[in-house]
Amino acid sequence: MKDSIRYIANRLSSYYDARECNSIARYIVEELSGMSYTDILVKDTKFSEVDRKKIDVIVKRLLNGEPLQYILGYSYFCNLKIGVDNNVLIPRPETDELCRLIIERYKESAPKILDVCSGSGCIALALKNGIPEACVEGVDISLGAISVARKNAENLNLDVEFNEYDVITDTPKIQNCYDIIVSNPPYICQFEKEKMESNVLDNEPHIALFVSDDNPLVFYDKIAELGCSILKSSGNLFFEINPLFYKELTEMLISKGYANIEVIDDINERKRFIACTKI
């Protein structure tokens, strides 16, 4: 299997830098073999012909710019194996940080949580896994995403309900019901596309990534309005945000009557999250 790692890294060398080539190659071999890197080095067993063909298929797809997570059909998030396809975004480390922040604050309680723009369901499922007594629901406009999220809930044996909901146009049917609303909505402006990697632009769903340049806070505004209706008094709103607009978003939340507003940095010291309270 050490030979397979070298083979994959060499094949990818024209597309990725050396460090990334080795990292991807190790990951592929570990996943296909079900072995740790240490075991691979010590035992140095051989792949079957079937597995070697799988490796060639994976490498070809990578060289065509397809993300490895879509090729494998899953991604790891908050210690959960989350199924992904091109109906949903690949979960990011920053979103993992947001979930761990909420879990730390609520792990000893039993909150009712709504995840808006749920995508693969990674946030909702991570929160249910980390706060077992919580009642967690997820909503999304995409039926394809809802299908992925429901399958993930079933595979992980986590009791989370996912339903279709358009936060821009739909009217909430319940009032003062939730303790927490959390969302990682679309927040990347069109002008930011030129700085993005082609494998993201060519493969991940644009409906889950982008907003118009002239109204970049549209989803935050609508979700904050939703929170005014369905959050309990002293309920909390948690957002993953575009660092470019944290000041404007803070002002908008104040204007809607939210208090205790926290702007929280991610591990890279970028202003990535906002938490606030309905009063």
C-alpha atoms as a PDB file:
ATOM      1  CA  MET A   1       0.000   0.000   0.000  1.00  0.00           C
ATOM      2  CA  LYS A   2       2.981   2.316   0.412  1.00  0.00           C
ATOM      3  CA  ASP A   3       3.481   1.922  -3.340  1.00  0.00           C
ATOM      4  CA  SER A   4      -0.139   2.960  -3.880  1.00  0.00           C
ATOM      5  CA  ILE A   5       0.396   6.144  -1.877  1.00  0.00           C
ATOM      6  CA  ARG A   6       3.425   7.026  -4.004  1.00  0.00           C
ATOM      7  CA  TYR A   7       1.520   6.146  -7.203  1.00  0.00           C
ATOM      8  CA  ILE A   8      -1.444   8.388  -6.319  1.00  0.00           C
ATOM      9  CA  ALA A   9       0.795  11.267  -5.229  1.00  0.00           C
ATOM     10  CA  ASN A  10       2.776  11.083  -8.475  1.00  0.00           C
ATOM     11  CA  ARG A  11      -0.402  11.018 -10.590  1.00  0.00           C
ATOM     12  CA  LEU A  12      -1.742  14.108  -8.808  1.00  0.00           C
ATOM     13  CA  SER A  13       1.522  16.064  -8.848  1.00  0.00           C
ATOM     14  CA  SER A  14       0.523  18.155 -11.863  1.00  0.00           C
ATOM     15  CA  TYR A  15      -2.677  19.306 -10.140  1.00  0.00           C
ATOM     16  CA  TYR A  16      -1.769  19.730  -6.440  1.00  0.00           C
ATOM     17  CA  ASP A  17       1.348  20.757  -4.544  1.00  0.00           C
ATOM     18  CA  ALA A  18       3.526  18.005  -3.055  1.00  0.00           C
ATOM     19  CA  ARG A  19       2.151  18.275   0.479  1.00  0.00           C
ATOM     20  CA  GLU A  20      -1.464  18.106  -0.689  1.00  0.00           C
ATOM     21  CA  CYS A  21      -0.687  15.219  -3.043  1.00  0.00           C
ATOM     22  CA  ASN A  22       0.721  13.167  -0.186  1.00  0.00           C
ATOM     23  CA  SER A  23      -2.159  14.082   2.116  1.00  0.00           C
ATOM     24  CA  ILE A  24      -4.798  13.098  -0.452  1.00  0.00           C
ATOM     25  CA  ALA A  25      -2.947   9.903  -1.352  1.00  0.00           C
ATOM     26  CA  ARG A  26      -2.710   8.823   2.283  1.00  0.00           C
ATOM     27  CA  TYR A  27      -6.377   9.605   2.859  1.00  0.00           C
ATOM     28  CA  ILE A  28      -7.499   7.567  -0.158  1.00  0.00           C
ATOM     29  CA  VAL A  29      -5.428   4.544   0.844  1.00  0.00           C
ATOM     30  CA  GLU A  30      -6.576   4.742   4.466  1.00  0.00           C
ATOM     31  CA  GLU A  31     -10.219   4.936   3.416  1.00  0.00           C
ATOM     32  CA  LEU A  32     -10.038   2.097   0.875  1.00  0.00           C
ATOM     33  CA  SER A  33      -8.056  -0.170   3.172  1.00  0.00           C
ATOM     34  CA  GLY A  34      -9.787   0.686   6.436  1.00  0.00           C
ATOM     35  CA  MET A  35      -6.321   0.881   8.004  1.00  0.00           C
ATOM     36  CA  SER A  36      -4.475   3.643   9.822  1.00  0.00           C
ATOM     37  CA  TYR A  37      -1.380   5.120   8.207  1.00  0.00           C
ATOM     38  CA  THR A  38       0.782   3.489  10.874  1.00  0.00           C
ATOM     39  CA  ASP A  39      -0.663   0.061  10.079  1.00  0.00           C
ATOM     40  CA  ILE A  40      -0.152   0.686   6.380  1.00  0.00           C
ATOM     41  CA  LEU A  41       3.536   1.424   6.972  1.00  0.00           C
ATOM     42  CA  VAL A  42       4.052  -1.544   9.289  1.00  0.00           C
ATOM     43  CA  LYS A  43       2.072  -4.223   7.468  1.00  0.00           C
ATOM     44  CA  ASP A  44       2.554  -2.998   3.895  1.00  0.00           C
ATOM     45  CA  THR A  45      -0.131  -5.296   2.523  1.00  0.00           C
ATOM     46  CA  LYS A  46      -1.169  -5.142  -1.131  1.00  0.00           C
ATOM     47  CA  PHE A  47      -4.359  -3.887  -2.705  1.00  0.00           C
ATOM     48  CA  SER A  48      -6.420  -6.280  -4.795  1.00  0.00           C
ATOM     49  CA  GLU A  49      -6.818  -5.684  -8.518  1.00  0.00           C
ATOM     50  CA  VAL A  50     -10.352  -4.419  -7.845  1.00  0.00           C
ATOM     51  CA  ASP A  51      -9.068  -1.826  -5.381  1.00  0.00           C
ATOM     52  CA  ARG A  52      -6.304  -0.742  -7.750  1.00  0.00           C
ATOM     53  CA  LYS A  53      -8.957  -0.081 -10.398  1.00  0.00           C
ATOM     54  CA  LYS A  54     -10.927   1.938  -7.843  1.00  0.00           C
ATOM     55  CA  ILE A  55      -7.820   4.012  -7.206  1.00  0.00           C
ATOM     56  CA  ASP A  56      -7.422   4.733 -10.916  1.00  0.00           C
ATOM     57  CA  VAL A  57     -11.066   5.864 -11.146  1.00  0.00           C
ATOM     58  CA  ILE A  58     -10.659   8.128  -8.110  1.00  0.00           C
ATOM     59  CA  VAL A  59      -7.461   9.665  -9.497  1.00  0.00           C
ATOM     60  CA  LYS A  60      -9.038  10.345 -12.896  1.00  0.00           C
ATOM     61  CA  ARG A  61     -11.996  12.086 -11.259  1.00  0.00           C
ATOM     62  CA  LEU A  62      -9.684  14.151  -9.065  1.00  0.00           C
ATOM     63  CA  LEU A  63      -7.702  15.219 -12.123  1.00  0.00           C
ATOM     64  CA  ASN A  64     -11.006  16.332 -13.677  1.00  0.00           C
ATOM     65  CA  GLY A  65     -11.472  18.662 -10.718  1.00  0.00           C
ATOM     66  CA  GLU A  66     -14.086  16.717  -8.779  1.00  0.00           C
ATOM     67  CA  PRO A  67     -13.793  17.047  -4.979  1.00  0.00           C
ATOM     68  CA  LEU A  68     -12.647  13.903  -3.194  1.00  0.00           C
ATOM     69  CA  GLN A  69     -15.643  14.003  -0.833  1.00  0.00           C
ATOM     70  CA  TYR A  70     -18.080  13.730  -3.752  1.00  0.00           C
ATOM     71  CA  ILE A  71     -16.038  10.913  -5.258  1.00  0.00           C
ATOM     72  CA  LEU A  72     -16.075   8.924  -2.011  1.00  0.00           C
ATOM     73  CA  GLY A  73     -19.670   9.972  -1.261  1.00  0.00           C
ATOM     74  CA  TYR A  74     -19.014  11.204   2.265  1.00  0.00           C
ATOM     75  CA  SER A  75     -17.160  13.645   4.475  1.00  0.00           C
ATOM     76  CA  TYR A  76     -16.297  13.580   8.172  1.00  0.00           C
ATOM     77  CA  PHE A  77     -17.848  16.325  10.287  1.00  0.00           C
ATOM     78  CA  CYS A  78     -17.885  16.605  14.085  1.00  0.00           C
ATOM     79  CA  ASN A  79     -16.840  12.933  14.228  1.00  0.00           C
ATOM     80  CA  LEU A  80     -19.810  11.908  12.058  1.00  0.00           C
ATOM     81  CA  LYS A  81     -19.645  10.325   8.598  1.00  0.00           C
ATOM     82  CA  ILE A  82     -21.884  12.615   6.541  1.00  0.00           C
ATOM     83  CA  GLY A  83     -23.019  11.483   3.093  1.00  0.00           C
ATOM     84  CA  VAL A  84     -22.595  14.138   0.394  1.00  0.00           C
ATOM     85  CA  ASP A  85     -23.316  14.534  -3.289  1.00  0.00           C
ATOM     86  CA  ASN A  86     -23.585  17.547  -5.574  1.00  0.00           C
ATOM     87  CA  ASN A  87     -26.989  18.449  -4.121  1.00  0.00           C
ATOM     88  CA  VAL A  88     -25.228  19.687  -0.981  1.00  0.00           C
ATOM     89  CA  LEU A  89     -22.144  21.585   0.091  1.00  0.00           C
ATOM     90  CA  ILE A  90     -19.173  19.708   1.466  1.00  0.00           C
ATOM     91  CA  PRO A  91     -19.061  20.503   5.217  1.00  0.00           C
ATOM     92  CA  ARG A  92     -16.287  22.921   6.176  1.00  0.00           C
ATOM     93  CA  PRO A  93     -14.092  23.060   9.294  1.00  0.00           C
ATOM     94  CA  GLU A  94     -15.534  26.472  10.175  1.00  0.00           C
ATOM     95  CA  THR A  95     -19.022  25.000  10.401  1.00  0.00           C
ATOM     96  CA  ASP A  96     -17.622  22.285  12.652  1.00  0.00           C
ATOM     97  CA  GLU A  97     -16.423  25.096  14.946  1.00  0.00           C
ATOM     98  CA  LEU A  98     -19.928  26.590  15.062  1.00  0.00           C
ATOM     99  CA  CYS A  99     -21.462  23.262  16.080  1.00  0.00           C
ATOM    100  CA  ARG A 100     -18.908  22.688  18.826  1.00  0.00           C
ATOM    101  CA  LEU A 101     -19.570  26.196  20.159  1.00  0.00           C
ATOM    102  CA  ILE A 102     -23.319  25.503  20.436  1.00  0.00           C
ATOM    103  CA  ILE A 103     -22.791  22.024  21.891  1.00  0.00           C
ATOM    104  CA  GLU A 104     -20.511  23.398  24.596  1.00  0.00           C
ATOM    105  CA  ARG A 105     -23.132  25.948  25.632  1.00  0.00           C
ATOM    106  CA  TYR A 106     -26.134  23.608  25.599  1.00  0.00           C
ATOM    107  CA  LYS A 107     -24.805  20.088  26.206  1.00  0.00           C
ATOM    108  CA  GLU A 108     -26.443  19.836  29.635  1.00  0.00           C
ATOM    109  CA  SER A 109     -29.867  21.052  28.466  1.00  0.00           C
ATOM    110  CA  ALA A 110     -32.703  19.971  26.191  1.00  0.00           C
ATOM    111  CA  PRO A 111     -33.243  22.805  23.698  1.00  0.00           C
ATOM    112  CA  LYS A 112     -35.541  22.790  20.697  1.00  0.00           C
ATOM    113  CA  ILE A 113     -33.370  23.624  17.679  1.00  0.00           C
ATOM    114  CA  LEU A 114     -34.146  24.633  14.097  1.00  0.00           C
ATOM    115  CA  ASP A 115     -31.380  24.448  11.468  1.00  0.00           C
ATOM    116  CA  VAL A 116     -32.271  26.700   8.512  1.00  0.00           C
ATOM    117  CA  CYS A 117     -30.673  26.059   5.088  1.00  0.00           C
ATOM    118  CA  SER A 118     -29.729  22.623   6.372  1.00  0.00           C
ATOM    119  CA  GLY A 119     -28.107  21.146   3.260  1.00  0.00           C
ATOM    120  CA  SER A 120     -26.608  17.748   4.072  1.00  0.00           C
ATOM    121  CA  GLY A 121     -27.997  18.044   7.585  1.00  0.00           C
ATOM    122  CA  CYS A 122     -24.494  18.141   9.057  1.00  0.00           C
ATOM    123  CA  ILE A 123     -25.257  20.925  11.556  1.00  0.00           C
ATOM    124  CA  ALA A 124     -28.566  19.479  12.744  1.00  0.00           C
ATOM    125  CA  LEU A 125     -27.114  15.979  13.050  1.00  0.00           C
ATOM    126  CA  ALA A 126     -23.982  17.139  14.855  1.00  0.00           C
ATOM    127  CA  LEU A 127     -26.096  19.094  17.349  1.00  0.00           C
ATOM    128  CA  LYS A 128     -28.385  16.134  17.989  1.00  0.00           C
ATOM    129  CA  ASN A 129     -25.365  13.883  18.459  1.00  0.00           C
ATOM    130  CA  GLY A 130     -23.679  16.360  20.816  1.00  0.00           C
ATOM    131  CA  ILE A 131     -26.845  17.363  22.717  1.00  0.00           C
ATOM    132  CA  PRO A 132     -28.775  14.068  22.945  1.00  0.00           C
ATOM    133  CA  GLU A 133     -31.760  15.567  24.796  1.00  0.00           C
ATOM    134  CA  ALA A 134     -32.283  18.244  22.148  1.00  0.00           C
ATOM    135  CA  CYS A 135     -35.212  18.196  19.738  1.00  0.00           C
ATOM    136  CA  VAL A 136     -33.680  19.097  16.380  1.00  0.00           C
ATOM    137  CA  GLU A 137     -35.265  19.905  13.007  1.00  0.00           C
ATOM    138  CA  GLY A 138     -33.751  21.002   9.709  1.00  0.00           C
ATOM    139  CA  VAL A 139     -35.270  22.835   6.747  1.00  0.00           C
ATOM    140  CA  ASP A 140     -34.045  23.561   3.241  1.00  0.00           C
ATOM    141  CA  ILE A 141     -35.499  24.744  -0.065  1.00  0.00           C
ATOM    142  CA  SER A 142     -33.775  21.939  -2.024  1.00  0.00           C
ATOM    143  CA  LEU A 143     -35.561  18.605  -2.246  1.00  0.00           C
ATOM    144  CA  GLY A 144     -32.266  17.022  -3.288  1.00  0.00           C
ATOM    145  CA  ALA A 145     -30.599  18.312  -0.144  1.00  0.00           C
ATOM    146  CA  ILE A 146     -33.492  17.139   2.028  1.00  0.00           C
ATOM    147  CA  SER A 147     -33.160  13.643   0.564  1.00  0.00           C
ATOM    148  CA  VAL A 148     -29.436  13.593   1.437  1.00  0.00           C
ATOM    149  CA  ALA A 149     -30.095  14.892   4.955  1.00  0.00           C
ATOM    150  CA  ARG A 150     -32.825  12.332   5.646  1.00  0.00           C
ATOM    151  CA  LYS A 151     -30.570   9.523   4.476  1.00  0.00           C
ATOM    152  CA  ASN A 152     -27.800  10.789   6.745  1.00  0.00           C
ATOM    153  CA  ALA A 153     -30.159  10.856   9.725  1.00  0.00           C
ATOM    154  CA  GLU A 154     -31.207   7.279   8.973  1.00  0.00           C
ATOM    155  CA  ASN A 155     -27.639   6.034   8.509  1.00  0.00           C
ATOM    156  CA  LEU A 156     -26.477   7.705  11.714  1.00  0.00           C
ATOM    157  CA  ASN A 157     -29.569   6.632  13.662  1.00  0.00           C
ATOM    158  CA  LEU A 158     -30.167  10.207  14.824  1.00  0.00           C
ATOM    159  CA  ASP A 159     -33.722  11.426  15.386  1.00  0.00           C
ATOM    160  CA  VAL A 160     -33.743  14.615  13.301  1.00  0.00           C
ATOM    161  CA  GLU A 161     -36.608  15.615  11.021  1.00  0.00           C
ATOM    162  CA  PHE A 162     -35.904  17.410   7.725  1.00  0.00           C
ATOM    163  CA  ASN A 163     -38.535  19.291   5.723  1.00  0.00           C
ATOM    164  CA  GLU A 164     -38.869  21.615   2.751  1.00  0.00           C
ATOM    165  CA  TYR A 165     -39.043  25.308   3.599  1.00  0.00           C
ATOM    166  CA  ASP A 166     -38.247  28.471   1.632  1.00  0.00           C
ATOM    167  CA  VAL A 167     -37.079  30.992   4.200  1.00  0.00           C
ATOM    168  CA  ILE A 168     -37.377  33.837   1.675  1.00  0.00           C
ATOM    169  CA  THR A 169     -41.062  33.360   0.811  1.00  0.00           C
ATOM    170  CA  ASP A 170     -42.718  30.934   3.251  1.00  0.00           C
ATOM    171  CA  THR A 171     -44.610  32.130   6.316  1.00  0.00           C
ATOM    172  CA  PRO A 172     -43.920  30.417   9.661  1.00  0.00           C
ATOM    173  CA  LYS A 173     -46.863  28.406  10.987  1.00  0.00           C
ATOM    174  CA  ILE A 174     -45.743  28.332  14.619  1.00  0.00           C
ATOM    175  CA  GLN A 175     -44.889  30.984  17.183  1.00  0.00           C
ATOM    176  CA  ASN A 176     -42.451  31.236  20.098  1.00  0.00           C
ATOM    177  CA  CYS A 177     -41.468  27.592  19.853  1.00  0.00           C
ATOM    178  CA  TYR A 178     -37.675  27.252  19.471  1.00  0.00           C
ATOM    179  CA  ASP A 179     -34.813  27.830  21.871  1.00  0.00           C
ATOM    180  CA  ILE A 180     -32.204  28.012  19.089  1.00  0.00           C
ATOM    181  CA  ILE A 181     -32.147  28.849  15.400  1.00  0.00           C
ATOM    182  CA  VAL A 182     -28.854  28.061  13.674  1.00  0.00           C
ATOM    183  CA  SER A 183     -27.972  28.680  10.053  1.00  0.00           C
ATOM    184  CA  ASN A 184     -25.089  28.589   7.619  1.00  0.00           C
ATOM    185  CA  PRO A 185     -26.974  30.207   4.729  1.00  0.00           C
ATOM    186  CA  PRO A 186     -25.669  31.252   1.300  1.00  0.00           C
ATOM    187  CA  TYR A 187     -23.395  34.248   1.904  1.00  0.00           C
ATOM    188  CA  ILE A 188     -20.727  34.484  -0.835  1.00  0.00           C
ATOM    189  CA  CYS A 189     -21.119  37.458  -3.164  1.00  0.00           C
ATOM    190  CA  GLN A 190     -20.804  37.182  -6.915  1.00  0.00           C
ATOM    191  CA  PHE A 191     -17.693  39.379  -6.935  1.00  0.00           C
ATOM    192  CA  GLU A 192     -15.904  36.838  -4.731  1.00  0.00           C
ATOM    193  CA  LYS A 193     -16.106  34.081  -7.357  1.00  0.00           C
ATOM    194  CA  GLU A 194     -12.841  35.099  -9.012  1.00  0.00           C
ATOM    195  CA  LYS A 195     -10.909  34.160  -5.874  1.00  0.00           C
ATOM    196  CA  MET A 196     -12.539  30.745  -5.478  1.00  0.00           C
ATOM    197  CA  GLU A 197     -11.165  27.363  -6.513  1.00  0.00           C
ATOM    198  CA  SER A 198     -12.551  25.923  -9.742  1.00  0.00           C
ATOM    199  CA  ASN A 199     -13.376  22.580  -8.124  1.00  0.00           C
ATOM    200  CA  VAL A 200     -15.813  24.427  -5.820  1.00  0.00           C
ATOM    201  CA  LEU A 201     -17.348  26.543  -8.583  1.00  0.00           C
ATOM    202  CA  ASP A 202     -17.701  23.625 -10.977  1.00  0.00           C
ATOM    203  CA  ASN A 203     -19.120  21.072  -8.557  1.00  0.00           C
ATOM    204  CA  GLU A 204     -20.820  22.480  -5.461  1.00  0.00           C
ATOM    205  CA  PRO A 205     -24.417  23.805  -5.683  1.00  0.00           C
ATOM    206  CA  HIS A 206     -24.454  27.542  -6.360  1.00  0.00           C
ATOM    207  CA  ILE A 207     -27.874  27.880  -4.717  1.00  0.00           C
ATOM    208  CA  ALA A 208     -26.184  27.012  -1.410  1.00  0.00           C
ATOM    209  CA  LEU A 209     -23.176  29.299  -1.929  1.00  0.00           C
ATOM    210  CA  PHE A 210     -24.050  32.606  -3.547  1.00  0.00           C
ATOM    211  CA  VAL A 211     -26.097  35.738  -2.970  1.00  0.00           C
ATOM    212  CA  SER A 212     -26.404  38.856  -5.105  1.00  0.00           C
ATOM    213  CA  ASP A 213     -23.903  41.644  -4.627  1.00  0.00           C
ATOM    214  CA  ASP A 214     -26.682  44.179  -4.036  1.00  0.00           C
ATOM    215  CA  ASN A 215     -28.354  42.219  -1.196  1.00  0.00           C
ATOM    216  CA  PRO A 216     -25.717  40.049   0.508  1.00  0.00           C
ATOM    217  CA  LEU A 217     -27.637  39.791   3.809  1.00  0.00           C
ATOM    218  CA  VAL A 218     -30.933  38.641   2.308  1.00  0.00           C
ATOM    219  CA  PHE A 219     -30.933  35.251   4.069  1.00  0.00           C
ATOM    220  CA  TYR A 220     -29.770  36.682   7.393  1.00  0.00           C
ATOM    221  CA  ASP A 221     -32.502  39.299   7.261  1.00  0.00           C
ATOM    222  CA  LYS A 222     -35.207  36.712   6.577  1.00  0.00           C
ATOM    223  CA  ILE A 223     -33.917  34.268   9.204  1.00  0.00           C
ATOM    224  CA  ALA A 224     -33.717  37.058  11.788  1.00  0.00           C
ATOM    225  CA  GLU A 225     -37.347  37.931  10.976  1.00  0.00           C
ATOM    226  CA  LEU A 226     -38.233  34.264  11.350  1.00  0.00           C
ATOM    227  CA  GLY A 227     -36.516  34.261  14.731  1.00  0.00           C
ATOM    228  CA  CYS A 228     -38.625  37.199  15.880  1.00  0.00           C
ATOM    229  CA  SER A 229     -41.680  34.973  15.308  1.00  0.00           C
ATOM    230  CA  ILE A 230     -40.610  31.488  16.344  1.00  0.00           C
ATOM    231  CA  LEU A 231     -37.857  31.909  18.934  1.00  0.00           C
ATOM    232  CA  LYS A 232     -38.901  31.822  22.556  1.00  0.00           C
ATOM    233  CA  SER A 233     -38.142  34.845  24.691  1.00  0.00           C
ATOM    234  CA  SER A 234     -34.397  34.706  25.467  1.00  0.00           C
ATOM    235  CA  GLY A 235     -33.957  32.222  22.613  1.00  0.00           C
ATOM    236  CA  ASN A 236     -30.713  32.380  20.662  1.00  0.00           C
ATOM    237  CA  LEU A 237     -29.770  32.845  17.039  1.00  0.00           C
ATOM    238  CA  PHE A 238     -26.454  31.483  15.721  1.00  0.00           C
ATOM    239  CA  PHE A 239     -25.079  32.291  12.263  1.00  0.00           C
ATOM    240  CA  GLU A 240     -22.048  31.390  10.231  1.00  0.00           C
ATOM    241  CA  ILE A 241     -21.269  34.603   8.365  1.00  0.00           C
ATOM    242  CA  ASN A 242     -19.264  36.266   5.644  1.00  0.00           C
ATOM    243  CA  PRO A 243     -16.539  38.204   7.517  1.00  0.00           C
ATOM    244  CA  LEU A 244     -16.900  41.054   5.023  1.00  0.00           C
ATOM    245  CA  PHE A 245     -20.314  41.989   6.400  1.00  0.00           C
ATOM    246  CA  TYR A 246     -20.156  41.410  10.147  1.00  0.00           C
ATOM    247  CA  LYS A 247     -20.716  45.107  10.942  1.00  0.00           C
ATOM    248  CA  GLU A 248     -23.764  45.392   8.684  1.00  0.00           C
ATOM    249  CA  LEU A 249     -25.167  42.147  10.055  1.00  0.00           C
ATOM    250  CA  THR A 250     -24.666  43.339  13.636  1.00  0.00           C
ATOM    251  CA  GLU A 251     -26.528  46.572  12.864  1.00  0.00           C
ATOM    252  CA  MET A 252     -29.376  44.669  11.222  1.00  0.00           C
ATOM    253  CA  LEU A 253     -29.807  42.375  14.233  1.00  0.00           C
ATOM    254  CA  ILE A 254     -29.849  45.350  16.607  1.00  0.00           C
ATOM    255  CA  SER A 255     -32.490  47.018  14.450  1.00  0.00           C
ATOM    256  CA  LYS A 256     -34.693  43.933  14.788  1.00  0.00           C
ATOM    257  CA  GLY A 257     -34.429  43.983  18.565  1.00  0.00           C
ATOM    258  CA  TYR A 258     -31.819  41.299  19.204  1.00  0.00           C
ATOM    259  CA  ALA A 259     -29.455  41.742  22.133  1.00  0.00           C
ATOM    260  CA  ASN A 260     -26.255  40.244  23.589  1.00  0.00           C
ATOM    261  CA  ILE A 261     -24.708  40.189  20.125  1.00  0.00           C
ATOM    262  CA  GLU A 262     -21.390  38.344  19.946  1.00  0.00           C
ATOM    263  CA  VAL A 263     -19.105  38.396  16.898  1.00  0.00           C
ATOM    264  CA  ILE A 264     -16.882  35.327  17.222  1.00  0.00           C
ATOM    265  CA  ASP A 265     -13.633  34.599  15.373  1.00  0.00           C
ATOM    266  CA  ASP A 266     -12.917  31.238  13.791  1.00  0.00           C
ATOM    267  CA  ILE A 267      -9.643  29.362  14.231  1.00  0.00           C
ATOM    268  CA  ASN A 268      -8.083  31.539  11.502  1.00  0.00           C
ATOM    269  CA  GLU A 269      -9.038  34.699  13.421  1.00  0.00           C
ATOM    270  CA  ARG A 270     -11.670  35.707  10.889  1.00  0.00           C
ATOM    271  CA  LYS A 271     -15.013  37.047  12.089  1.00  0.00           C
ATOM    272  CA  ARG A 272     -16.991  33.935  11.161  1.00  0.00           C
ATOM    273  CA  PHE A 273     -19.898  33.583  13.608  1.00  0.00           C
ATOM    274  CA  ILE A 274     -22.550  35.728  15.248  1.00  0.00           C
ATOM    275  CA  ALA A 275     -24.663  34.787  18.257  1.00  0.00           C
ATOM    276  CA  CYS A 276     -27.494  36.894  19.669  1.00  0.00           C
ATOM    277  CA  THR A 277     -30.561  36.722  21.881  1.00  0.00           C
ATOM    278  CA  LYS A 278     -34.225  37.497  21.266  1.00  0.00           C
ATOM    279  CA  ILE A 279     -35.561  39.821  23.946  1.00  0.00           C
END
